[in-house]
């Protein structure tokens, strides 16, 4: 069962596509452009539609989703962490 989607293997996040995911769940994701699967263990509960880090991302780094720069990290983020407004900010302001 696919639980998250990544556009390209060079993205830094995937998007959760199912509900009720809990910390320490093992997920399977689909990398669309390369048509391959990847597995990751999540570190927190993550709601449907939110982002999960698919690799470690250091503080101040650019976050790539669907091949697009969506902001920068304001703290170190580990693979499997939930990304949202608490740890990613826009570069516009």
N, C-alpha and C. Protein backbone atom coordinates (compact mmCIF):
# COMPACT_ATOMS: atom_id res chain seq x y z
N UNK A 1 0.84 -1.18 0.00
CA UNK A 1 0.00 0.00 0.00
C UNK A 1 0.89 1.25 0.00
N UNK A 2 0.63 2.16 -0.89
CA UNK A 2 1.35 3.42 -0.99
C UNK A 2 0.78 4.40 0.04
N UNK A 3 1.66 4.97 0.89
CA UNK A 3 1.20 5.89 1.94
C UNK A 3 1.72 7.31 1.76
N UNK A 4 2.68 7.48 0.85
CA UNK A 4 3.13 8.83 0.52
C UNK A 4 3.65 8.83 -0.92
N UNK A 5 3.68 10.05 -1.51
CA UNK A 5 4.12 10.21 -2.89
C UNK A 5 5.24 11.23 -2.95
N UNK A 6 6.25 10.92 -3.73
CA UNK A 6 7.37 11.82 -4.00
C UNK A 6 7.39 12.02 -5.51
N UNK A 7 7.55 13.26 -5.96
CA UNK A 7 7.57 13.53 -7.40
C UNK A 7 8.85 13.00 -8.05
N UNK A 8 9.99 13.34 -7.46
CA UNK A 8 11.28 12.99 -8.04
C UNK A 8 12.24 12.61 -6.91
N UNK A 9 13.14 11.69 -7.16
CA UNK A 9 14.05 11.24 -6.11
C UNK A 9 14.96 12.35 -5.61
N UNK A 10 15.06 13.47 -6.31
CA UNK A 10 15.84 14.61 -5.83
C UNK A 10 15.05 15.53 -4.91
N UNK A 11 13.73 15.29 -4.76
CA UNK A 11 12.93 16.03 -3.79
C UNK A 11 13.42 15.69 -2.38
N UNK A 12 13.12 16.55 -1.44
CA UNK A 12 13.51 16.27 -0.05
C UNK A 12 12.34 15.82 0.81
N UNK A 13 11.12 15.89 0.25
CA UNK A 13 9.92 15.50 1.00
C UNK A 13 8.96 14.70 0.13
N UNK A 14 8.11 13.96 0.82
CA UNK A 14 6.98 13.30 0.19
C UNK A 14 5.71 13.79 0.84
N UNK A 15 4.58 13.54 0.20
CA UNK A 15 3.27 13.97 0.70
C UNK A 15 2.49 12.74 1.17
N UNK A 16 2.01 12.80 2.41
CA UNK A 16 1.23 11.70 2.99
C UNK A 16 -0.13 11.60 2.30
N UNK A 17 -0.52 10.38 1.91
CA UNK A 17 -1.76 10.19 1.15
C UNK A 17 -2.81 9.35 1.88
N UNK A 18 -2.54 8.98 3.12
CA UNK A 18 -3.51 8.19 3.89
C UNK A 18 -3.65 8.80 5.29
N UNK A 19 -4.71 8.42 5.98
CA UNK A 19 -4.98 8.94 7.33
C UNK A 19 -4.43 8.02 8.41
N UNK A 20 -4.35 8.57 9.62
CA UNK A 20 -4.07 7.82 10.84
C UNK A 20 -2.67 7.21 10.90
N UNK A 21 -1.68 7.93 10.40
CA UNK A 21 -0.30 7.44 10.51
C UNK A 21 0.27 7.89 11.85
N UNK A 22 0.91 6.96 12.53
CA UNK A 22 1.43 7.20 13.88
C UNK A 22 2.95 7.09 13.90
N UNK A 23 3.55 7.76 14.88
CA UNK A 23 5.00 7.69 15.08
C UNK A 23 5.45 6.23 15.10
N UNK A 24 6.57 5.98 14.47
CA UNK A 24 7.20 4.66 14.35
C UNK A 24 6.55 3.74 13.32
N UNK A 25 5.53 4.22 12.60
CA UNK A 25 4.98 3.43 11.49
C UNK A 25 6.01 3.36 10.37
N UNK A 26 6.07 2.22 9.71
CA UNK A 26 6.89 2.06 8.51
C UNK A 26 6.00 2.28 7.30
N UNK A 27 6.42 3.20 6.43
CA UNK A 27 5.61 3.58 5.27
C UNK A 27 6.30 3.20 3.97
N UNK A 28 5.47 3.01 2.96
CA UNK A 28 5.97 2.81 1.60
C UNK A 28 5.53 3.99 0.75
N UNK A 29 6.48 4.55 0.02
CA UNK A 29 6.18 5.67 -0.86
C UNK A 29 6.51 5.35 -2.29
N UNK A 30 5.85 6.07 -3.19
CA UNK A 30 6.08 5.90 -4.63
C UNK A 30 6.78 7.14 -5.16
N UNK A 31 7.93 6.96 -5.79
CA UNK A 31 8.64 8.06 -6.45
C UNK A 31 8.16 8.06 -7.90
N UNK A 32 7.35 9.04 -8.25
CA UNK A 32 6.64 9.04 -9.53
C UNK A 32 7.57 9.06 -10.74
N UNK A 33 8.49 10.03 -10.82
CA UNK A 33 9.33 10.17 -12.02
C UNK A 33 10.18 8.95 -12.31
N UNK A 34 10.65 8.29 -11.28
CA UNK A 34 11.50 7.12 -11.48
C UNK A 34 10.71 5.81 -11.38
N UNK A 35 9.41 5.92 -11.07
CA UNK A 35 8.52 4.77 -10.91
C UNK A 35 9.16 3.67 -10.05
N UNK A 36 9.53 4.10 -8.83
CA UNK A 36 10.07 3.11 -7.91
C UNK A 36 9.53 3.40 -6.51
N UNK A 37 9.68 2.41 -5.65
CA UNK A 37 9.18 2.51 -4.28
C UNK A 37 10.32 2.79 -3.32
N UNK A 38 9.97 3.40 -2.19
CA UNK A 38 10.92 3.60 -1.10
C UNK A 38 10.20 3.40 0.22
N UNK A 39 10.94 3.01 1.22
CA UNK A 39 10.38 2.81 2.55
C UNK A 39 11.01 3.79 3.52
N UNK A 40 10.21 4.22 4.51
CA UNK A 40 10.71 5.13 5.54
C UNK A 40 9.91 4.88 6.82
N UNK A 41 10.57 5.06 7.94
CA UNK A 41 9.92 4.99 9.25
C UNK A 41 9.67 6.43 9.70
N UNK A 42 8.43 6.75 10.10
CA UNK A 42 8.14 8.12 10.51
C UNK A 42 8.38 8.30 12.01
N UNK A 43 8.77 9.52 12.37
CA UNK A 43 9.15 9.82 13.74
C UNK A 43 8.05 10.46 14.57
N UNK A 44 7.03 10.99 13.91
CA UNK A 44 5.88 11.60 14.59
C UNK A 44 4.60 11.18 13.86
N UNK A 45 3.45 11.39 14.50
CA UNK A 45 2.18 11.26 13.78
C UNK A 45 2.19 12.31 12.67
N UNK A 46 1.73 11.94 11.47
CA UNK A 46 1.69 12.89 10.36
C UNK A 46 0.31 12.81 9.70
N UNK A 47 -0.40 13.95 9.65
CA UNK A 47 -1.73 13.97 9.03
C UNK A 47 -1.68 13.82 7.51
N UNK A 48 -2.76 13.36 6.94
CA UNK A 48 -2.89 13.26 5.49
C UNK A 48 -2.68 14.65 4.87
N UNK A 49 -1.98 14.69 3.75
CA UNK A 49 -1.71 15.94 3.05
C UNK A 49 -0.48 16.68 3.52
N UNK A 50 0.08 16.28 4.66
CA UNK A 50 1.28 16.93 5.17
C UNK A 50 2.52 16.27 4.59
N UNK A 51 3.68 16.86 4.87
CA UNK A 51 4.94 16.40 4.29
C UNK A 51 5.75 15.57 5.27
N UNK A 52 6.52 14.62 4.72
CA UNK A 52 7.47 13.83 5.48
C UNK A 52 8.84 13.99 4.81
N UNK A 53 9.87 14.18 5.64
CA UNK A 53 11.23 14.26 5.10
C UNK A 53 11.67 12.88 4.64
N UNK A 54 12.20 12.80 3.43
CA UNK A 54 12.67 11.50 2.93
C UNK A 54 14.18 11.36 3.07
N UNK A 55 14.81 12.42 3.58
CA UNK A 55 16.25 12.39 3.89
C UNK A 55 16.49 13.43 4.97
N UNK A 56 17.63 13.40 5.61
CA UNK A 56 17.99 14.42 6.58
C UNK A 56 18.14 15.76 5.86
N UNK A 57 17.64 16.82 6.50
CA UNK A 57 17.73 18.17 5.93
C UNK A 57 18.27 19.09 7.03
N UNK A 58 19.37 19.75 6.76
CA UNK A 58 19.98 20.60 7.79
C UNK A 58 19.29 21.97 7.86
N UNK A 59 19.41 22.59 9.03
CA UNK A 59 18.82 23.91 9.26
C UNK A 59 19.30 24.90 8.19
N UNK A 60 18.37 25.69 7.66
CA UNK A 60 18.69 26.68 6.64
C UNK A 60 18.70 26.16 5.22
N UNK A 61 18.41 24.88 5.05
CA UNK A 61 18.42 24.28 3.71
C UNK A 61 17.11 24.50 2.98
N UNK A 62 17.18 24.44 1.67
CA UNK A 62 16.00 24.53 0.81
C UNK A 62 15.25 23.21 0.83
N UNK A 63 13.93 23.31 0.91
CA UNK A 63 13.06 22.14 0.84
C UNK A 63 12.49 22.06 -0.57
N UNK A 64 12.63 20.89 -1.20
CA UNK A 64 12.13 20.69 -2.56
C UNK A 64 10.96 19.70 -2.52
N UNK A 65 9.83 20.14 -3.10
CA UNK A 65 8.63 19.31 -3.21
C UNK A 65 8.12 19.46 -4.64
N UNK A 66 7.87 18.33 -5.31
CA UNK A 66 7.43 18.34 -6.71
C UNK A 66 8.42 19.10 -7.59
N UNK A 67 9.71 19.05 -7.24
CA UNK A 67 10.74 19.70 -8.02
C UNK A 67 10.82 21.21 -7.83
N UNK A 68 10.10 21.74 -6.85
CA UNK A 68 10.00 23.18 -6.64
C UNK A 68 10.49 23.54 -5.23
N UNK A 69 11.20 24.65 -5.12
CA UNK A 69 11.64 25.21 -3.84
C UNK A 69 10.40 25.71 -3.10
N UNK A 70 10.09 25.09 -1.94
CA UNK A 70 8.90 25.51 -1.18
C UNK A 70 9.26 26.25 0.10
N UNK A 71 10.55 26.45 0.37
CA UNK A 71 10.93 27.18 1.58
C UNK A 71 12.26 26.70 2.12
N UNK A 72 12.54 27.12 3.36
CA UNK A 72 13.79 26.74 4.02
C UNK A 72 13.47 26.19 5.40
N UNK A 73 14.34 25.33 5.86
CA UNK A 73 14.16 24.75 7.19
C UNK A 73 14.64 25.74 8.25
N UNK A 74 13.98 25.73 9.40
CA UNK A 74 14.38 26.59 10.52
C UNK A 74 15.00 25.77 11.65
N UNK A 75 15.14 24.47 11.41
CA UNK A 75 15.81 23.57 12.35
C UNK A 75 16.29 22.36 11.56
N UNK A 76 17.14 21.56 12.17
CA UNK A 76 17.54 20.31 11.53
C UNK A 76 16.33 19.38 11.50
N UNK A 77 16.17 18.68 10.39
CA UNK A 77 15.05 17.76 10.21
C UNK A 77 15.61 16.41 9.82
N UNK A 78 15.19 15.37 10.52
CA UNK A 78 15.67 14.02 10.24
C UNK A 78 14.74 13.33 9.25
N UNK A 79 15.29 12.39 8.50
CA UNK A 79 14.45 11.55 7.63
C UNK A 79 13.35 10.94 8.49
N UNK A 80 12.11 11.03 8.02
CA UNK A 80 10.97 10.50 8.76
C UNK A 80 10.23 11.54 9.59
N UNK A 81 10.78 12.77 9.67
CA UNK A 81 10.13 13.83 10.43
C UNK A 81 9.00 14.48 9.65
N UNK A 82 8.04 15.00 10.38
CA UNK A 82 6.92 15.77 9.85
C UNK A 82 7.42 17.18 9.52
N UNK A 83 7.16 17.65 8.31
CA UNK A 83 7.49 19.02 7.92
C UNK A 83 6.20 19.81 7.81
N UNK A 84 6.18 20.97 8.45
CA UNK A 84 5.01 21.84 8.38
C UNK A 84 5.47 23.23 8.84
N UNK A 85 4.58 24.09 9.24
CA UNK A 85 4.91 25.47 9.57
C UNK A 85 5.83 25.60 10.79
N UNK A 86 5.96 24.56 11.59
CA UNK A 86 6.82 24.63 12.77
C UNK A 86 8.31 24.48 12.43
N UNK A 87 8.63 23.95 11.24
CA UNK A 87 10.04 23.75 10.91
C UNK A 87 10.42 24.13 9.48
N UNK A 88 9.46 24.66 8.70
CA UNK A 88 9.73 25.14 7.34
C UNK A 88 9.04 26.50 7.18
N UNK A 89 9.77 27.45 6.66
CA UNK A 89 9.24 28.78 6.43
C UNK A 89 9.46 29.20 4.99
N UNK A 90 8.60 30.06 4.50
CA UNK A 90 8.77 30.61 3.16
C UNK A 90 10.02 31.48 3.11
N UNK A 91 10.60 31.61 1.94
CA UNK A 91 11.75 32.49 1.76
C UNK A 91 11.31 33.91 1.39
N UNK A 92 10.03 34.10 1.21
CA UNK A 92 9.52 35.40 0.75
C UNK A 92 9.54 36.47 1.84
N UNK A 93 9.43 36.06 3.12
CA UNK A 93 9.38 37.03 4.21
C UNK A 93 10.43 36.74 5.22
